[in-house]
Amino acid sequence: MGKIQSLLGEKGDYLLSHTCQGITKEQLHLPGGDFVDRIFGPSDRSVPVLRNLQALFSSGRLADTGYLSILPVDQGIEHSAGASFAPNPRYFDPENIVKLAIEGGCNGVASTLGVLGAVSRKYAHKIPFILKINHNELISYPNTHDQILFANIDQAYDMGAVGIGATIYFGAPESSRQIQEVSKAFAYAHKKGLLTILWCYTRNSAFKKDGVDYHLSADLTGQANHLGVTIQADIIKQKLPENNGGYNAVNFGKTHKNVYEKLSTDHPIDLTRYQVANCYMGRAGLINSGGASGDNDLIQAVETAVVNKRAGGMGLICGRKAFQRPLAEGIEILNAIQDVYLDDSITIA
């Protein structure tokens, strides 16, 4: 706890002493070594899906804790290869991406068909692969924002991946098509025995109102999570909430005053707890993202991990903060995140 407390600095007491009152920890299905048996065992998931889920939970430094640390590297498409890998050109080579995940103690690595396919025979049996099947590419001009399919389920199965990942832009004009595409893909993935992870992002220019960006509001991201688990995402990947009240500010959809007056506050752990609640109270694990790389990556990553864990989340998916810097520093950040989940003194709020 000493190093973590030191990194948190003046935010330490604020983050480590908070107790959630609106949605209590007793109402949640919390991560643990028995999570696959306890939560997925009674579900309609097939034995092969359970096996692959257990393989993911049994890998890396967080093995058998119920928590996950995943390295995601699809930014070469989502943000362009130059923008992503020029800061550290070694990661133009797919093998170095997988090596970082292994040496960093991650449960798994999530990446593109090209990246994982290039090294699957060498590494698919050494660390769980998660194939990201759709992407938003940025070379079309003018830029558009639409998740389109780059890979299919059979390719994931054939390369030995344990699961697939996909993104939906909830709220976007293309979201209805994306929901149908991903729902169909998830159903077939489960039929093939693969687990499913959904990147649940909100995207609509109307979500910015009066100078405030509500793309990361707890109510809108929470609803995105709820739609994600509805199409049977086993794990939800979501950005950490930064505010609340998106529905009311944009003046659309339906919500309830209790969301803001009773179930949450402006504390980041309460806002994230609402995200967890929308993942069927934790039956589908919530992993938050580490965000873009900057000057205080180590501190920000630890803060995010503390918020996620104390809210009842399942872990972190951290990419740019790790691979856009020297190998040793990237491993240090990944290990620091994992240390939060390994520290029993950091409890559920």
Protein backbone atom coordinates (compact mmCIF):
# COMPACT_ATOMS: atom_id res chain seq x y z
CA MET A 1 0.00 0.00 0.00
CA GLY A 2 2.92 2.36 0.72
CA LYS A 3 3.93 2.88 -2.92
CA ILE A 4 0.32 3.16 -4.07
CA GLN A 5 -0.47 5.66 -1.31
CA SER A 6 2.59 7.66 -2.32
CA LEU A 7 1.53 7.75 -5.97
CA LEU A 8 -1.99 8.83 -5.04
CA GLY A 9 -0.59 11.69 -2.97
CA GLU A 10 -3.22 14.13 -1.72
CA LYS A 11 -5.94 12.08 -3.44
CA GLY A 12 -5.12 9.08 -1.28
CA ASP A 13 -7.67 9.56 1.47
CA TYR A 14 -10.30 10.80 -0.98
CA LEU A 15 -10.05 7.60 -3.04
CA LEU A 16 -9.16 5.02 -0.40
CA SER A 17 -11.59 6.03 2.36
CA HIS A 18 -14.75 6.57 0.32
CA THR A 19 -17.80 4.37 0.95
CA CYS A 20 -20.56 4.03 -1.64
CA GLN A 21 -23.98 4.64 -0.09
CA GLY A 22 -26.33 4.59 -3.09
CA ILE A 23 -25.46 1.17 -4.51
CA THR A 24 -23.72 -0.79 -1.78
CA LYS A 25 -21.04 -3.41 -2.29
CA GLU A 26 -23.36 -6.06 -0.85
CA GLN A 27 -25.55 -5.68 -3.94
CA LEU A 28 -22.72 -6.51 -6.33
CA HIS A 29 -21.33 -9.70 -7.81
CA LEU A 30 -17.66 -9.07 -7.07
CA PRO A 31 -14.57 -10.47 -8.77
CA GLY A 32 -12.89 -13.45 -7.12
CA GLY A 33 -11.00 -16.60 -7.89
CA ASP A 34 -14.28 -18.47 -8.30
CA PHE A 35 -15.88 -15.92 -10.65
CA VAL A 36 -16.21 -18.24 -13.64
CA ASP A 37 -17.82 -21.00 -11.55
CA ARG A 38 -19.95 -18.65 -9.45
CA ILE A 39 -21.21 -16.28 -12.15
CA PHE A 40 -20.80 -17.89 -15.57
CA GLY A 41 -21.34 -21.46 -14.40
CA PRO A 42 -25.14 -21.07 -13.99
CA SER A 43 -25.45 -19.15 -17.28
CA ASP A 44 -26.07 -20.40 -20.80
CA ARG A 45 -22.36 -20.19 -21.69
CA SER A 46 -21.03 -23.44 -23.11
CA VAL A 47 -18.24 -25.50 -21.59
CA PRO A 48 -15.71 -24.27 -24.19
CA VAL A 49 -16.59 -20.64 -23.35
CA LEU A 50 -16.12 -21.38 -19.64
CA ARG A 51 -12.77 -22.98 -20.41
CA ASN A 52 -11.58 -19.93 -22.35
CA LEU A 53 -12.85 -17.54 -19.68
CA GLN A 54 -10.94 -19.53 -17.08
CA ALA A 55 -7.82 -19.46 -19.25
CA LEU A 56 -7.97 -15.66 -19.34
CA PHE A 57 -8.54 -15.41 -15.59
CA SER A 58 -5.73 -17.89 -14.89
CA SER A 59 -2.96 -16.04 -16.74
CA GLY A 60 -0.46 -13.37 -15.78
CA ARG A 61 0.28 -11.77 -12.43
CA LEU A 62 -3.43 -11.52 -11.57
CA ALA A 63 -4.03 -15.23 -12.16
CA ASP A 64 -6.88 -16.68 -10.08
CA THR A 65 -7.78 -13.37 -8.42
CA GLY A 66 -10.84 -12.65 -10.59
CA TYR A 67 -9.20 -9.45 -11.85
CA LEU A 68 -7.89 -8.72 -15.33
CA SER A 69 -5.02 -6.73 -16.79
CA ILE A 70 -5.20 -6.66 -20.58
CA LEU A 71 -2.89 -4.99 -23.11
CA PRO A 72 -4.95 -3.62 -26.05
CA VAL A 73 -3.14 -2.56 -29.21
CA ASP A 74 -5.52 -1.73 -32.03
CA GLN A 75 -4.51 1.92 -32.13
CA GLY A 76 -2.59 1.42 -35.39
CA ILE A 77 -6.01 1.43 -37.07
CA GLU A 78 -8.05 3.48 -34.62
CA HIS A 79 -5.50 6.33 -34.30
CA SER A 80 -3.13 5.51 -37.25
CA ALA A 81 0.11 3.57 -37.02
CA GLY A 82 2.25 6.69 -37.16
CA ALA A 83 0.43 8.43 -34.33
CA SER A 84 0.53 5.25 -32.24
CA PHE A 85 3.97 3.76 -32.85
CA ALA A 86 6.24 6.65 -33.88
CA PRO A 87 6.88 7.45 -30.18
CA ASN A 88 8.27 3.90 -29.80
CA PRO A 89 8.89 2.32 -33.24
CA ARG A 90 9.63 -1.17 -31.88
CA TYR A 91 5.87 -1.71 -31.67
CA PHE A 92 5.45 -1.56 -35.42
CA ASP A 93 6.55 -5.21 -35.03
CA PRO A 94 3.63 -7.34 -33.75
CA GLU A 95 5.93 -9.67 -31.81
CA ASN A 96 7.02 -6.85 -29.53
CA ILE A 97 3.39 -6.12 -28.68
CA VAL A 98 2.87 -9.68 -27.51
CA LYS A 99 6.21 -9.68 -25.68
CA LEU A 100 5.18 -6.56 -23.75
CA ALA A 101 1.95 -8.26 -22.65
CA ILE A 102 3.86 -11.35 -21.49
CA GLU A 103 6.71 -9.52 -19.78
CA GLY A 104 4.23 -7.06 -18.29
CA GLY A 105 2.34 -9.86 -16.57
CA CYS A 106 -0.96 -9.30 -18.41
CA ASN A 107 -3.81 -11.82 -18.46
CA GLY A 108 -4.13 -11.39 -22.21
CA VAL A 109 -3.41 -9.28 -25.28
CA ALA A 110 -6.11 -7.78 -27.50
CA SER A 111 -5.16 -6.73 -31.00
CA THR A 112 -5.92 -6.89 -34.70
CA LEU A 113 -6.12 -9.80 -37.11
CA GLY A 114 -2.82 -8.83 -38.66
CA VAL A 115 -0.94 -8.40 -35.38
CA LEU A 116 -2.11 -11.60 -33.70
CA GLY A 117 -2.12 -13.66 -36.88
CA ALA A 118 1.52 -12.75 -37.56
CA VAL A 119 2.71 -14.49 -34.39
CA SER A 120 -0.12 -16.83 -33.41
CA ARG A 121 1.81 -20.10 -33.87
CA LYS A 122 4.55 -18.82 -31.59
CA TYR A 123 2.49 -17.18 -28.85
CA ALA A 124 -1.20 -18.17 -28.83
CA HIS A 125 -0.45 -20.99 -26.38
CA LYS A 126 1.67 -18.73 -24.16
CA ILE A 127 -0.75 -15.87 -23.50
CA PRO A 128 -4.50 -15.59 -24.22
CA PHE A 129 -5.26 -13.83 -27.51
CA ILE A 130 -8.35 -11.61 -27.96
CA LEU A 131 -9.00 -10.74 -31.59
CA LYS A 132 -10.55 -7.31 -32.16
CA ILE A 133 -12.87 -7.84 -35.11
CA ASN A 134 -13.99 -4.28 -35.97
CA HIS A 135 -12.30 -0.89 -36.15
CA ASN A 136 -12.71 2.74 -37.10
CA GLU A 137 -10.08 3.62 -39.70
CA LEU A 138 -8.83 7.19 -40.13
CA ILE A 139 -7.44 7.27 -43.69
CA SER A 140 -10.75 7.99 -45.42
CA TYR A 141 -11.18 11.68 -46.18
CA PRO A 142 -13.07 13.37 -44.77
CA ASN A 143 -12.75 11.22 -41.66
CA THR A 144 -15.82 9.21 -40.74
CA HIS A 145 -16.58 7.56 -37.42
CA ASP A 146 -17.92 4.08 -37.98
CA GLN A 147 -16.87 0.68 -36.68
CA ILE A 148 -16.56 -1.73 -39.63
CA LEU A 149 -15.63 -5.40 -39.67
CA PHE A 150 -11.98 -6.26 -40.35
CA ALA A 151 -12.02 -9.90 -39.19
CA ASN A 152 -14.39 -12.77 -38.49
CA ILE A 153 -15.01 -15.33 -35.77
CA ASP A 154 -13.56 -18.30 -37.65
CA GLN A 155 -10.26 -16.46 -38.03
CA ALA A 156 -10.17 -15.92 -34.26
CA TYR A 157 -10.96 -19.57 -33.62
CA ASP A 158 -8.40 -20.83 -36.14
CA MET A 159 -5.54 -18.75 -34.67
CA GLY A 160 -6.22 -20.13 -31.20
CA ALA A 161 -7.68 -16.98 -29.65
CA VAL A 162 -9.68 -17.37 -26.42
CA GLY A 163 -12.07 -14.62 -27.39
CA ILE A 164 -13.03 -11.69 -29.56
CA GLY A 165 -13.48 -8.00 -28.96
CA ALA A 166 -15.66 -5.46 -30.75
CA THR A 167 -16.63 -1.81 -30.46
CA ILE A 168 -20.05 -0.19 -30.73
CA TYR A 169 -20.52 3.59 -30.95
CA PHE A 170 -23.75 3.88 -28.96
CA GLY A 171 -25.72 6.97 -29.88
CA ALA A 172 -24.16 7.28 -33.32
CA PRO A 173 -26.30 7.16 -36.48
CA GLU A 174 -24.60 3.86 -37.37
CA SER A 175 -25.20 2.28 -33.95
CA SER A 176 -28.25 0.24 -34.95
CA ARG A 177 -26.26 -1.54 -37.66
CA GLN A 178 -23.29 -2.01 -35.34
CA ILE A 179 -25.48 -3.49 -32.58
CA GLN A 180 -26.92 -6.02 -35.02
CA GLU A 181 -23.52 -6.91 -36.47
CA VAL A 182 -21.85 -7.35 -33.11
CA SER A 183 -24.80 -9.22 -31.60
CA LYS A 184 -24.63 -11.72 -34.44
CA ALA A 185 -20.85 -11.98 -34.10
CA PHE A 186 -21.05 -12.54 -30.33
CA ALA A 187 -23.65 -15.28 -30.77
CA TYR A 188 -21.43 -17.11 -33.25
CA ALA A 189 -18.35 -16.55 -31.08
CA HIS A 190 -20.09 -18.18 -28.14
CA LYS A 191 -21.13 -21.05 -30.41
CA LYS A 192 -17.46 -21.53 -31.30
CA GLY A 193 -16.48 -21.42 -27.62
CA LEU A 194 -14.97 -17.93 -27.59
CA LEU A 195 -15.50 -15.29 -24.90
CA THR A 196 -16.69 -11.80 -25.84
CA ILE A 197 -15.51 -8.34 -24.81
CA LEU A 198 -17.34 -5.18 -25.88
CA TRP A 199 -15.78 -1.73 -26.12
CA CYS A 200 -18.87 0.31 -25.14
CA TYR A 201 -18.30 3.83 -26.43
CA THR A 202 -20.78 6.69 -26.78
CA ARG A 203 -20.46 8.91 -29.83
CA ASN A 204 -22.69 11.75 -30.98
CA SER A 205 -21.88 15.43 -31.42
CA ALA A 206 -25.07 16.24 -29.51
CA PHE A 207 -23.51 14.75 -26.38
CA LYS A 208 -21.45 17.94 -26.09
CA LYS A 209 -23.73 20.58 -24.59
CA ASP A 210 -23.00 24.11 -23.40
CA GLY A 211 -19.27 23.46 -23.35
CA VAL A 212 -19.54 20.20 -21.39
CA ASP A 213 -18.69 16.82 -22.92
CA TYR A 214 -21.14 14.17 -21.74
CA HIS A 215 -19.65 11.30 -23.73
CA LEU A 216 -18.18 10.14 -20.41
CA SER A 217 -21.21 10.82 -18.23
CA ALA A 218 -22.13 7.99 -15.89
CA ASP A 219 -25.73 7.80 -17.07
CA LEU A 220 -24.91 7.58 -20.79
CA THR A 221 -21.95 5.22 -20.40
CA GLY A 222 -24.01 3.18 -17.95
CA GLN A 223 -26.75 2.73 -20.54
CA ALA A 224 -24.14 1.78 -23.14
CA ASN A 225 -22.93 -0.89 -20.72
CA HIS A 226 -26.49 -2.13 -20.23
CA LEU A 227 -26.96 -2.51 -23.96
CA GLY A 228 -23.61 -4.29 -24.15
CA VAL A 229 -24.51 -6.96 -21.62
CA THR A 230 -27.89 -7.34 -23.32
CA ILE A 231 -26.12 -8.75 -26.41
CA GLN A 232 -24.14 -11.03 -24.05
CA ALA A 233 -20.78 -9.35 -23.78
CA ASP A 234 -18.97 -11.38 -21.13
CA ILE A 235 -16.78 -8.39 -20.23
CA ILE A 236 -17.47 -4.68 -20.76
CA LYS A 237 -14.69 -2.25 -21.58
CA GLN A 238 -15.62 1.33 -20.78
CA LYS A 239 -13.91 4.66 -20.24
CA LEU A 240 -13.89 6.00 -16.70
CA PRO A 241 -16.82 8.39 -16.14
CA GLU A 242 -16.00 12.07 -15.68
CA ASN A 243 -19.44 13.56 -14.96
CA ASN A 244 -23.15 12.73 -14.90
CA GLY A 245 -26.44 14.05 -16.22
CA GLY A 246 -25.98 13.51 -19.94
CA TYR A 247 -29.62 12.60 -20.46
CA ASN A 248 -30.85 15.75 -18.76
CA ALA A 249 -28.33 18.08 -20.39
CA VAL A 250 -29.03 16.86 -23.92
CA ASN A 251 -32.73 16.52 -23.06
CA PHE A 252 -33.40 13.18 -24.71
CA GLY A 253 -34.15 9.56 -23.82
CA LYS A 254 -35.42 8.48 -20.43
CA THR A 255 -33.84 8.49 -17.00
CA HIS A 256 -34.88 8.85 -13.34
CA LYS A 257 -34.04 11.36 -10.64
CA ASN A 258 -32.78 8.59 -8.38
CA VAL A 259 -29.86 8.03 -10.74
CA TYR A 260 -28.52 11.41 -9.70
CA GLU A 261 -30.01 11.94 -6.23
CA LYS A 262 -29.70 8.48 -4.63
CA LEU A 263 -27.65 6.05 -6.68
CA SER A 264 -24.62 8.23 -7.37
CA THR A 265 -22.72 11.36 -6.37
CA ASP A 266 -19.99 13.28 -8.15
CA HIS A 267 -17.32 11.05 -6.54
CA PRO A 268 -15.51 9.06 -9.27
CA ILE A 269 -16.02 5.78 -7.39
CA ASP A 270 -19.78 6.38 -7.17
CA LEU A 271 -19.93 7.28 -10.86
CA THR A 272 -18.02 4.11 -11.75
CA ARG A 273 -20.21 2.08 -9.38
CA TYR A 274 -23.16 3.12 -11.55
CA GLN A 275 -21.32 1.73 -14.58
CA VAL A 276 -20.83 -1.56 -12.70
CA ALA A 277 -24.52 -1.65 -11.78
CA ASN A 278 -25.39 -1.46 -15.47
CA CYS A 279 -23.21 -4.53 -16.09
CA TYR A 280 -25.89 -6.62 -14.33
CA MET A 281 -24.47 -5.60 -10.94
CA GLY A 282 -21.09 -7.05 -11.88
CA ARG A 283 -22.21 -10.31 -13.49
CA ALA A 284 -20.37 -9.00 -16.55
CA GLY A 285 -17.03 -7.61 -15.45
CA LEU A 286 -16.26 -3.91 -15.99
CA ILE A 287 -12.76 -3.13 -17.16
CA ASN A 288 -11.97 0.56 -17.53
CA SER A 289 -9.46 1.96 -19.99
CA GLY A 290 -6.17 3.57 -19.11
CA GLY A 291 -6.59 6.45 -21.53
CA ALA A 292 -4.10 8.35 -23.67
CA SER A 293 -0.43 8.64 -22.82
CA GLY A 294 0.77 11.82 -21.12
CA ASP A 295 3.20 13.24 -18.57
CA ASN A 296 1.79 11.51 -15.47
CA ASP A 297 0.91 8.09 -16.84
CA LEU A 298 2.00 6.05 -13.82
CA ILE A 299 -0.02 8.16 -11.38
CA GLN A 300 -3.08 8.30 -13.63
CA ALA A 301 -3.00 4.55 -14.24
CA VAL A 302 -2.86 3.79 -10.51
CA GLU A 303 -5.67 6.25 -9.77
CA THR A 304 -7.86 4.65 -12.44
CA ALA A 305 -7.12 1.17 -11.09
CA VAL A 306 -8.02 2.23 -7.54
CA VAL A 307 -11.31 3.76 -8.72
CA ASN A 308 -12.19 0.70 -10.79
CA LYS A 309 -11.38 -1.80 -8.05
CA ARG A 310 -13.10 0.09 -5.25
CA ALA A 311 -16.18 0.59 -7.47
CA GLY A 312 -16.46 -3.18 -7.94
CA GLY A 313 -14.84 -3.35 -11.36
CA MET A 314 -12.79 -6.21 -12.75
CA GLY A 315 -9.61 -4.53 -13.93
CA LEU A 316 -7.92 -2.27 -16.43
CA ILE A 317 -7.19 -2.42 -20.13
CA CYS A 318 -4.14 -0.23 -20.64
CA GLY A 319 -2.41 0.32 -23.99
CA ARG A 320 -0.88 3.64 -24.97
CA LYS A 321 0.40 4.40 -21.49
CA ALA A 322 2.43 1.18 -21.72
CA PHE A 323 3.58 0.84 -25.33
CA GLN A 324 4.33 4.49 -26.12
CA ARG A 325 7.37 4.47 -23.83
CA PRO A 326 10.51 2.36 -23.25
CA LEU A 327 9.90 -1.31 -22.45
CA ALA A 328 10.97 -1.10 -18.80
CA GLU A 329 8.69 1.89 -18.16
CA GLY A 330 5.79 0.19 -19.91
CA ILE A 331 6.22 -2.90 -17.74
CA GLU A 332 6.43 -0.69 -14.65
CA ILE A 333 3.06 0.88 -15.44
CA LEU A 334 1.40 -2.46 -16.13
CA ASN A 335 2.81 -3.92 -12.91
CA ALA A 336 1.73 -0.87 -10.89
CA ILE A 337 -1.84 -1.36 -12.13
CA GLN A 338 -1.72 -5.03 -11.22
CA ASP A 339 -0.33 -4.21 -7.77
CA VAL A 340 -3.55 -2.33 -6.98
CA TYR A 341 -5.60 -5.48 -7.56
CA LEU A 342 -3.12 -7.65 -5.67
CA ASP A 343 -3.25 -5.38 -2.61
CA ASP A 344 -5.88 -6.77 -0.23
CA SER A 345 -5.85 -3.55 1.79
CA ILE A 346 -7.48 -1.73 -1.15
CA THR A 347 -11.05 -2.83 -0.54
CA ILE A 348 -14.43 -2.44 -2.25
CA ALA A 349 -16.04 0.88 -1.33
